[in-house]
């Protein structure tokens, strides 16, 4: 473990808490024989790599064959999403015991605002130290925490502080900390944007900050240019939002190297729709836009979407729309080949019964599809998600999905 402080401060009060190599860490926690060894969770595609594996260059989303080429002693364990979901719930319970102001970002990370806890819990640095200790002792997992004045910089700090670290940035020295960092520490800078900036000799955050905004927008576009220029000066007015709800709900499936037929993809899509619509109904939400995301063996991506006239959480219309999107995209998929991941998300979500213009159906008004959904949900809630499955998915490998990050 390491605890580092760039310059001590009592006014930086936003924490970004991020579990380290989450899935792989859960596997190492639950199987002592895996500790200290290069481990990946997945199968076909790496979903998470332990730090021992990362030292060999193994990375998330890498095909398993490529990971084994880099690390011949690699241990691959099947993903156990029930275990990961339970670990996430346990960690978030620690977060909520720390402060009521928690904004979940994904299954393994969150922002916490501890600014009002000085008299009862100590300084933000002391709170972050205790948070890390509680997660380690109560859940058995390593976690890195960044502490800063803004959400953006807290997240940057946790990234710099990894693995298993604590890093606090003083508001009086933010740019001194931020500007020497590589440009890809800025939100929105991926490999393509980094290459565009690198071609102009721009490789650090400080060099982005020094650019003429007009020149920057000419390189990366107006919206991205404005955002990058603001972040390079640590301008980020967003607060920790405890009531923020996801703009979409989704799940995705890694496919491995083997080429899949249209029928096999349809089975996987069926299971994804089942999973996502059940989550929507449990959250009392309905959606209108169906989006499919595809990732290929060369790590390129494609996205296709279609919208229904009205929001719904019923399986049948959302499945029909998803299949239509897949049909329209299939010629592109078949031509490119090497499909390694498919993701489904339902967007334009509304809360049912919140006055947003969506009227919940009375029992005698519900369609046969909605009645069936309600019956299946009741059985699965009582006996578990695996108690019922569609005949089309029996014997397939369609049950390895993982919740997608919120849009």
Protein backbone atom coordinates (compact mmCIF):
# COMPACT_ATOMS: atom_id res chain seq x y z
CA UNK A 1 0.00 0.00 0.00
CA UNK A 2 1.14 3.56 -0.55
CA UNK A 3 -0.20 6.86 0.74
CA UNK A 4 1.01 10.01 -1.00
CA UNK A 5 0.12 13.66 -0.62
CA UNK A 6 1.15 16.23 -3.19
CA UNK A 7 0.59 19.08 -0.71
CA UNK A 8 -1.58 18.78 2.38
CA UNK A 9 -4.89 20.65 2.33
CA UNK A 10 -8.08 20.77 4.40
CA UNK A 11 -10.20 22.28 1.61
CA UNK A 12 -9.98 19.57 -1.06
CA UNK A 13 -13.07 17.58 -0.07
CA UNK A 14 -14.15 15.49 -3.07
CA UNK A 15 -13.03 11.87 -3.05
CA UNK A 16 -12.83 9.60 -6.08
CA UNK A 17 -12.74 6.02 -4.84
CA UNK A 18 -11.80 3.39 -7.42
CA UNK A 19 -11.37 -0.32 -6.75
CA UNK A 20 -8.14 -1.72 -8.18
CA UNK A 21 -8.49 -4.31 -10.99
CA UNK A 22 -11.90 -5.04 -9.51
CA UNK A 23 -12.90 -8.38 -11.03
CA UNK A 24 -9.38 -9.80 -10.78
CA UNK A 25 -9.06 -8.56 -7.19
CA UNK A 26 -12.29 -10.35 -6.24
CA UNK A 27 -10.92 -13.57 -7.73
CA UNK A 28 -7.66 -13.18 -5.80
CA UNK A 29 -9.55 -12.41 -2.61
CA UNK A 30 -11.71 -15.51 -2.93
CA UNK A 31 -8.91 -17.89 -3.99
CA UNK A 32 -5.68 -17.44 -2.01
CA UNK A 33 -3.81 -19.55 -4.59
CA UNK A 34 -4.26 -16.70 -7.09
CA UNK A 35 -2.71 -13.99 -4.93
CA UNK A 36 0.48 -12.53 -6.27
CA UNK A 37 0.01 -14.30 -9.61
CA UNK A 38 -0.94 -12.94 -13.06
CA UNK A 39 -4.71 -13.40 -13.26
CA UNK A 40 -7.38 -12.27 -15.68
CA UNK A 41 -11.13 -12.63 -15.39
CA UNK A 42 -12.97 -13.38 -18.58
CA UNK A 43 -12.56 -16.00 -21.24
CA UNK A 44 -11.94 -15.17 -24.86
CA UNK A 45 -11.54 -11.50 -23.97
CA UNK A 46 -9.88 -10.01 -20.88
CA UNK A 47 -12.49 -8.31 -18.70
CA UNK A 48 -10.03 -7.44 -15.91
CA UNK A 49 -6.33 -8.09 -15.29
CA UNK A 50 -4.50 -8.20 -11.98
CA UNK A 51 -1.56 -5.87 -11.58
CA UNK A 52 0.76 -8.87 -11.81
CA UNK A 53 -0.66 -9.47 -15.29
CA UNK A 54 -0.60 -5.78 -16.22
CA UNK A 55 3.16 -5.73 -15.69
CA UNK A 56 3.42 -7.97 -18.77
CA UNK A 57 1.30 -5.57 -20.83
CA UNK A 58 -2.00 -7.43 -20.40
CA UNK A 59 -4.91 -5.01 -20.62
CA UNK A 60 -8.70 -4.99 -20.42
CA UNK A 61 -10.47 -5.85 -23.72
CA UNK A 62 -7.40 -7.67 -25.04
CA UNK A 63 -8.10 -11.04 -26.70
CA UNK A 64 -7.07 -13.94 -24.49
CA UNK A 65 -4.65 -15.33 -27.06
CA UNK A 66 -2.80 -11.99 -27.15
CA UNK A 67 -2.68 -11.86 -23.36
CA UNK A 68 -1.20 -15.39 -23.20
CA UNK A 69 1.38 -14.40 -25.78
CA UNK A 70 2.53 -11.58 -23.49
CA UNK A 71 2.31 -13.67 -20.31
CA UNK A 72 2.68 -17.45 -20.82
CA UNK A 73 1.99 -18.12 -17.11
CA UNK A 74 -1.29 -16.22 -17.23
CA UNK A 75 -4.17 -17.71 -15.21
CA UNK A 76 -7.59 -17.19 -16.79
CA UNK A 77 -10.64 -17.63 -14.56
CA UNK A 78 -14.26 -17.47 -15.71
CA UNK A 79 -16.06 -14.27 -14.81
CA UNK A 80 -18.41 -14.54 -11.79
CA UNK A 81 -20.72 -11.57 -12.07
CA UNK A 82 -22.82 -12.48 -9.04
CA UNK A 83 -19.68 -12.32 -6.89
CA UNK A 84 -18.65 -8.99 -8.42
CA UNK A 85 -22.11 -7.51 -7.89
CA UNK A 86 -22.12 -8.57 -4.23
CA UNK A 87 -18.63 -7.15 -3.70
CA UNK A 88 -19.79 -3.88 -5.26
CA UNK A 89 -22.78 -3.70 -2.92
CA UNK A 90 -20.51 -4.33 0.06
CA UNK A 91 -18.11 -1.57 -1.00
CA UNK A 92 -20.91 0.91 -1.64
CA UNK A 93 -22.25 0.17 1.85
CA UNK A 94 -18.87 1.38 3.15
CA UNK A 95 -19.16 4.48 0.97
CA UNK A 96 -22.60 5.31 2.38
CA UNK A 97 -21.38 4.71 5.93
CA UNK A 98 -18.68 7.29 5.23
CA UNK A 99 -20.92 10.08 3.85
CA UNK A 100 -24.49 10.44 2.58
CA UNK A 101 -23.16 12.27 -0.47
CA UNK A 102 -22.20 9.39 -2.77
CA UNK A 103 -22.41 9.44 -6.58
CA UNK A 104 -21.91 6.01 -8.09
CA UNK A 105 -20.13 6.11 -11.45
CA UNK A 106 -19.89 2.39 -12.16
CA UNK A 107 -19.84 -0.94 -10.38
CA UNK A 108 -16.38 -0.21 -8.94
CA UNK A 109 -16.03 3.55 -8.51
CA UNK A 110 -17.78 6.55 -6.97
CA UNK A 111 -17.39 10.18 -6.01
CA UNK A 112 -17.89 11.12 -2.36
CA UNK A 113 -18.30 14.63 -0.92
CA UNK A 114 -16.91 14.80 2.63
CA UNK A 115 -16.76 18.59 2.92
CA UNK A 116 -19.27 18.84 5.78
CA UNK A 117 -17.83 16.09 7.96
CA UNK A 118 -14.86 17.92 9.52
CA UNK A 119 -16.21 18.06 13.08
CA UNK A 120 -17.39 14.47 13.26
CA UNK A 121 -15.05 12.55 10.96
CA UNK A 122 -11.87 14.60 10.60
CA UNK A 123 -10.13 16.02 7.56
CA UNK A 124 -10.78 14.70 4.05
CA UNK A 125 -7.38 13.01 4.17
CA UNK A 126 -8.25 11.27 7.43
CA UNK A 127 -11.64 10.24 6.04
CA UNK A 128 -10.04 8.85 2.89
CA UNK A 129 -7.50 6.93 4.96
CA UNK A 130 -10.27 5.34 7.04
CA UNK A 131 -12.32 4.60 3.92
CA UNK A 132 -9.46 2.62 2.40
CA UNK A 133 -8.90 0.75 5.65
CA UNK A 134 -12.61 -0.11 5.99
CA UNK A 135 -12.85 -1.42 2.42
CA UNK A 136 -9.76 -3.56 2.99
CA UNK A 137 -10.91 -4.93 6.36
CA UNK A 138 -14.65 -5.30 5.70
CA UNK A 139 -14.66 -6.32 2.04
CA UNK A 140 -11.10 -7.58 1.54
CA UNK A 141 -10.33 -5.50 -1.55
CA UNK A 142 -7.71 -2.87 -2.40
CA UNK A 143 -8.97 0.58 -3.34
CA UNK A 144 -7.33 3.80 -4.46
CA UNK A 145 -8.69 7.19 -3.41
CA UNK A 146 -7.96 10.57 -4.97
CA UNK A 147 -8.82 13.71 -3.00
CA UNK A 148 -9.15 17.12 -4.66
CA UNK A 149 -11.28 20.24 -4.98
CA UNK A 150 -13.00 19.12 -8.21
CA UNK A 151 -14.41 15.85 -9.44
CA UNK A 152 -12.15 15.89 -12.46
CA UNK A 153 -8.97 16.33 -10.46
CA UNK A 154 -10.04 13.78 -7.82
CA UNK A 155 -10.39 11.20 -10.58
CA UNK A 156 -7.02 12.15 -12.05
CA UNK A 157 -5.49 11.84 -8.58
CA UNK A 158 -6.86 8.34 -8.07
CA UNK A 159 -5.47 7.32 -11.46
CA UNK A 160 -2.02 8.65 -10.58
CA UNK A 161 -2.23 7.09 -7.11
CA UNK A 162 -2.89 3.55 -8.33
CA UNK A 163 -2.50 0.82 -7.30
CA UNK A 164 -3.78 0.67 -3.72
CA UNK A 165 -2.90 4.28 -2.99
CA UNK A 166 -4.11 7.59 -1.62
CA UNK A 167 -3.29 10.91 -3.27
CA UNK A 168 -4.44 14.37 -2.18
CA UNK A 169 -3.95 17.49 -4.29
CA UNK A 170 -3.94 20.91 -2.63
CA UNK A 171 -6.07 23.57 -4.37
CA UNK A 172 -3.16 25.99 -4.26
CA UNK A 173 -1.00 23.60 -6.26
CA UNK A 174 -3.51 22.02 -8.67
CA UNK A 175 -1.90 23.14 -11.91
CA UNK A 176 1.56 22.32 -10.57
CA UNK A 177 0.31 18.75 -10.15
CA UNK A 178 -1.83 18.58 -13.30
CA UNK A 179 0.21 20.23 -16.04
CA UNK A 180 3.19 17.80 -16.18
CA UNK A 181 0.83 14.82 -16.68
CA UNK A 182 0.41 13.22 -20.12
CA UNK A 183 -2.42 14.59 -22.19
CA UNK A 184 -4.43 11.35 -22.00
CA UNK A 185 -5.18 12.12 -18.34
CA UNK A 186 -7.78 14.59 -19.62
CA UNK A 187 -11.31 13.25 -19.93
CA UNK A 188 -12.18 12.80 -23.56
CA UNK A 189 -8.63 12.19 -24.77
CA UNK A 190 -8.38 8.70 -26.18
CA UNK A 191 -5.82 7.23 -28.54
CA UNK A 192 -7.13 9.09 -31.62
CA UNK A 193 -7.26 12.50 -29.94
CA UNK A 194 -3.87 11.92 -28.31
CA UNK A 195 -2.42 11.13 -31.76
CA UNK A 196 -3.91 14.30 -33.23
CA UNK A 197 -2.43 16.40 -30.45
CA UNK A 198 0.87 14.52 -30.55
CA UNK A 199 1.18 15.30 -34.25
CA UNK A 200 1.22 18.97 -33.22
CA UNK A 201 3.79 18.32 -30.50
CA UNK A 202 1.20 18.52 -27.70
CA UNK A 203 1.93 15.78 -25.18
CA UNK A 204 1.21 17.19 -21.71
CA UNK A 205 -1.81 18.75 -20.04
CA UNK A 206 0.19 21.95 -19.55
CA UNK A 207 0.78 22.22 -23.29
CA UNK A 208 -2.98 21.88 -23.87
CA UNK A 209 -3.59 24.62 -21.29
CA UNK A 210 -1.17 26.93 -23.11
CA UNK A 211 -2.82 26.47 -26.50
CA UNK A 212 -4.97 29.10 -28.16
CA UNK A 213 -8.54 27.75 -27.72
CA UNK A 214 -9.27 28.42 -31.40
CA UNK A 215 -6.32 26.27 -32.45
CA UNK A 216 -7.35 23.51 -30.06
CA UNK A 217 -10.93 23.43 -31.37
CA UNK A 218 -9.63 23.31 -34.93
CA UNK A 219 -7.82 20.09 -34.06
CA UNK A 220 -10.40 18.23 -31.93
CA UNK A 221 -13.68 20.00 -32.66
CA UNK A 222 -15.57 22.80 -30.92
CA UNK A 223 -17.19 20.89 -28.04
CA UNK A 224 -14.15 18.74 -27.27
CA UNK A 225 -11.80 21.70 -27.58
CA UNK A 226 -13.76 23.77 -25.08
CA UNK A 227 -13.95 20.87 -22.64
CA UNK A 228 -10.25 20.03 -22.87
CA UNK A 229 -9.22 23.66 -22.47
CA UNK A 230 -11.39 23.98 -19.34
CA UNK A 231 -10.16 20.74 -17.79
CA UNK A 232 -6.53 21.62 -18.52
CA UNK A 233 -7.10 24.60 -16.20
CA UNK A 234 -9.08 22.38 -13.75
CA UNK A 235 -12.31 24.23 -14.43
CA UNK A 236 -15.00 21.76 -13.34
CA UNK A 237 -18.04 23.13 -11.49
CA UNK A 238 -19.91 19.83 -11.19
CA UNK A 239 -21.00 18.73 -7.73
CA UNK A 240 -21.40 15.23 -6.34
CA UNK A 241 -24.95 14.32 -7.37
CA UNK A 242 -26.56 11.78 -5.08
CA UNK A 243 -29.85 11.79 -6.98
CA UNK A 244 -28.37 11.49 -10.45
CA UNK A 245 -29.96 8.66 -12.41
CA UNK A 246 -28.47 6.94 -15.38
CA UNK A 247 -29.25 8.18 -18.82
CA UNK A 248 -29.26 4.60 -20.05
CA UNK A 249 -29.24 1.04 -18.76
CA UNK A 250 -27.26 -1.61 -20.58
CA UNK A 251 -25.26 -4.80 -20.64
CA UNK A 252 -22.57 -6.20 -22.89
CA UNK A 253 -21.16 -9.57 -23.91
CA UNK A 254 -17.58 -10.44 -24.81
CA UNK A 255 -17.50 -12.88 -27.73
CA UNK A 256 -13.89 -14.09 -27.89
CA UNK A 257 -12.08 -14.84 -31.13
CA UNK A 258 -14.46 -17.36 -32.67
CA UNK A 259 -16.52 -16.05 -35.56
CA UNK A 260 -20.21 -15.99 -34.64
CA UNK A 261 -23.18 -16.70 -36.87
CA UNK A 262 -26.17 -14.40 -37.09
CA UNK A 263 -28.24 -16.93 -35.11
CA UNK A 264 -25.64 -17.08 -32.33
CA UNK A 265 -25.57 -13.29 -32.06
CA UNK A 266 -29.36 -13.27 -31.92
CA UNK A 267 -29.32 -15.64 -28.93
CA UNK A 268 -26.84 -13.38 -27.14
CA UNK A 269 -28.95 -10.32 -27.97
CA UNK A 270 -32.03 -12.09 -26.59
CA UNK A 271 -30.32 -12.68 -23.25
CA UNK A 272 -29.05 -9.10 -23.10
CA UNK A 273 -32.53 -7.71 -23.72
CA UNK A 274 -33.98 -10.00 -21.06
CA UNK A 275 -31.41 -8.83 -18.53
CA UNK A 276 -31.69 -5.11 -19.31
CA UNK A 277 -35.49 -4.96 -19.40
CA UNK A 278 -35.71 -6.77 -16.06
CA UNK A 279 -33.37 -4.19 -14.54
CA UNK A 280 -35.49 -1.40 -16.02
CA UNK A 281 -38.68 -2.79 -14.51
CA UNK A 282 -37.06 -3.23 -11.10
CA UNK A 283 -36.00 0.44 -11.25
CA UNK A 284 -39.46 1.56 -12.45
CA UNK A 285 -37.98 3.04 -15.60
CA UNK A 286 -38.94 2.94 -19.27
CA UNK A 287 -36.87 3.80 -22.32
CA UNK A 288 -37.32 4.65 -25.97
CA UNK A 289 -33.94 4.39 -27.71
CA UNK A 290 -32.24 1.04 -28.35
CA UNK A 291 -28.51 1.25 -29.04
CA UNK A 292 -26.21 -1.60 -30.07
CA UNK A 293 -22.47 -1.21 -29.70
CA UNK A 294 -20.00 -3.42 -31.54
CA UNK A 295 -16.28 -3.87 -30.94
CA UNK A 296 -14.01 -5.65 -33.41
CA UNK A 297 -10.74 -7.54 -33.20
CA UNK A 298 -8.75 -4.47 -34.26
CA UNK A 299 -10.38 -2.60 -31.29
CA UNK A 300 -12.40 -0.38 -33.62
CA UNK A 301 -16.01 0.26 -32.66
CA UNK A 302 -19.36 0.92 -34.28
CA UNK A 303 -22.72 2.03 -32.89
CA UNK A 304 -26.23 1.71 -34.31
CA UNK A 305 -29.53 2.80 -32.73
CA UNK A 306 -33.24 3.12 -33.27
CA UNK A 307 -36.07 4.67 -31.24
CA UNK A 308 -39.61 3.59 -30.42
CA UNK A 309 -42.52 6.08 -30.50
CA UNK A 310 -43.11 5.76 -26.75
CA UNK A 311 -40.97 4.69 -23.76
CA UNK A 312 -41.48 1.11 -22.57
CA UNK A 313 -39.89 -1.49 -20.35
CA UNK A 314 -41.61 -4.43 -22.01
CA UNK A 315 -39.30 -7.10 -23.39
CA UNK A 316 -41.12 -7.82 -26.65
CA UNK A 317 -41.05 -4.36 -28.34
CA UNK A 318 -37.50 -3.63 -27.18
CA UNK A 319 -36.31 -7.03 -28.43
CA UNK A 320 -38.00 -6.46 -31.80
CA UNK A 321 -36.31 -3.07 -32.11
CA UNK A 322 -32.91 -4.49 -31.11
CA UNK A 323 -33.25 -7.24 -33.71
CA UNK A 324 -34.12 -4.68 -36.37
CA UNK A 325 -31.02 -2.68 -35.46
CA UNK A 326 -28.91 -5.84 -35.67
CA UNK A 327 -30.44 -6.73 -39.04
CA UNK A 328 -29.57 -3.31 -40.44
CA UNK A 329 -26.00 -3.56 -39.10
CA UNK A 330 -25.34 -7.16 -40.08
CA UNK A 331 -23.88 -6.50 -43.52
CA UNK A 332 -21.35 -4.15 -41.92
CA UNK A 333 -20.54 -6.70 -39.19
CA UNK A 334 -20.20 -9.57 -41.65
CA UNK A 335 -17.98 -7.54 -43.95
CA UNK A 336 -15.63 -6.38 -41.21
CA UNK A 337 -15.51 -9.71 -39.31
CA UNK A 338 -13.69 -10.19 -36.03
CA UNK A 339 -16.61 -9.09 -33.80
CA UNK A 340 -15.39 -9.43 -30.19
CA UNK A 341 -18.10 -7.66 -28.19
CA UNK A 342 -21.73 -6.66 -28.47
CA UNK A 343 -23.40 -4.23 -26.10
CA UNK A 344 -27.04 -3.24 -25.70
CA UNK A 345 -28.32 -0.13 -23.94
CA UNK A 346 -31.75 1.43 -23.60
CA UNK A 347 -31.68 5.22 -23.49
CA UNK A 348 -33.99 8.21 -23.21
CA UNK A 349 -35.10 6.78 -19.89
CA UNK A 350 -38.01 8.15 -17.89
CA UNK A 351 -39.24 7.33 -14.40
CA UNK A 352 -42.63 5.63 -14.40
CA UNK A 353 -45.28 7.47 -12.45
CA UNK A 354 -43.14 10.61 -11.90
CA UNK A 355 -45.34 12.89 -13.95
CA UNK A 356 -43.09 12.72 -16.97
CA UNK A 357 -45.92 11.85 -19.29
CA UNK A 358 -45.71 8.06 -19.02
CA UNK A 359 -48.91 6.52 -17.76
CA UNK A 360 -48.54 3.14 -16.07
CA UNK A 361 -51.01 0.62 -17.47
CA UNK A 362 -53.78 -0.78 -15.30
CA UNK A 363 -53.67 -4.59 -14.90
CA UNK A 364 -56.51 -5.16 -17.38
CA UNK A 365 -54.83 -2.85 -19.94
CA UNK A 366 -51.50 -4.67 -20.04
CA UNK A 367 -50.49 -6.57 -23.13
CA UNK A 368 -49.77 -10.29 -23.09
CA UNK A 369 -46.06 -9.45 -23.28
CA UNK A 370 -46.26 -7.24 -20.18
CA UNK A 371 -48.23 -9.88 -18.26
CA UNK A 372 -45.59 -12.46 -19.15
CA UNK A 373 -42.80 -10.08 -18.08
CA UNK A 374 -44.48 -9.55 -14.71
CA UNK A 375 -44.87 -13.30 -14.16
CA UNK A 376 -41.25 -14.04 -15.10
CA UNK A 377 -40.00 -11.20 -12.88
CA UNK A 378 -41.96 -12.57 -9.93
CA UNK A 379 -40.49 -16.06 -10.33
CA UNK A 380 -36.93 -14.76 -10.76
CA UNK A 381 -37.27 -12.40 -7.79
CA UNK A 382 -38.34 -15.30 -5.60
CA UNK A 383 -36.09 -18.10 -6.87
CA UNK A 384 -33.18 -16.28 -8.48
CA UNK A 385 -32.29 -14.98 -11.92
CA UNK A 386 -31.17 -18.42 -13.11
CA UNK A 387 -34.45 -20.14 -12.16
CA UNK A 388 -35.97 -19.43 -15.59
CA UNK A 389 -34.28 -19.12 -18.93
CA UNK A 390 -35.37 -19.06 -22.55
CA UNK A 391 -35.09 -22.32 -24.44
CA UNK A 392 -33.15 -20.57 -27.21
CA UNK A 393 -30.30 -19.78 -24.81
CA UNK A 394 -29.93 -23.25 -23.30
CA UNK A 395 -26.49 -24.68 -24.09
CA UNK A 396 -25.18 -21.34 -25.38
CA UNK A 397 -22.55 -19.07 -23.84
CA UNK A 398 -24.91 -16.10 -23.79
CA UNK A 399 -24.91 -15.69 -20.01
CA UNK A 400 -21.64 -13.81 -19.49
CA UNK A 401 -22.90 -10.27 -19.75
CA UNK A 402 -21.75 -7.41 -17.55
CA UNK A 403 -23.53 -4.13 -16.78
CA UNK A 404 -22.29 -1.27 -18.95
CA UNK A 405 -21.16 2.06 -17.55
CA UNK A 406 -23.76 4.80 -17.57
CA UNK A 407 -23.70 7.11 -20.57
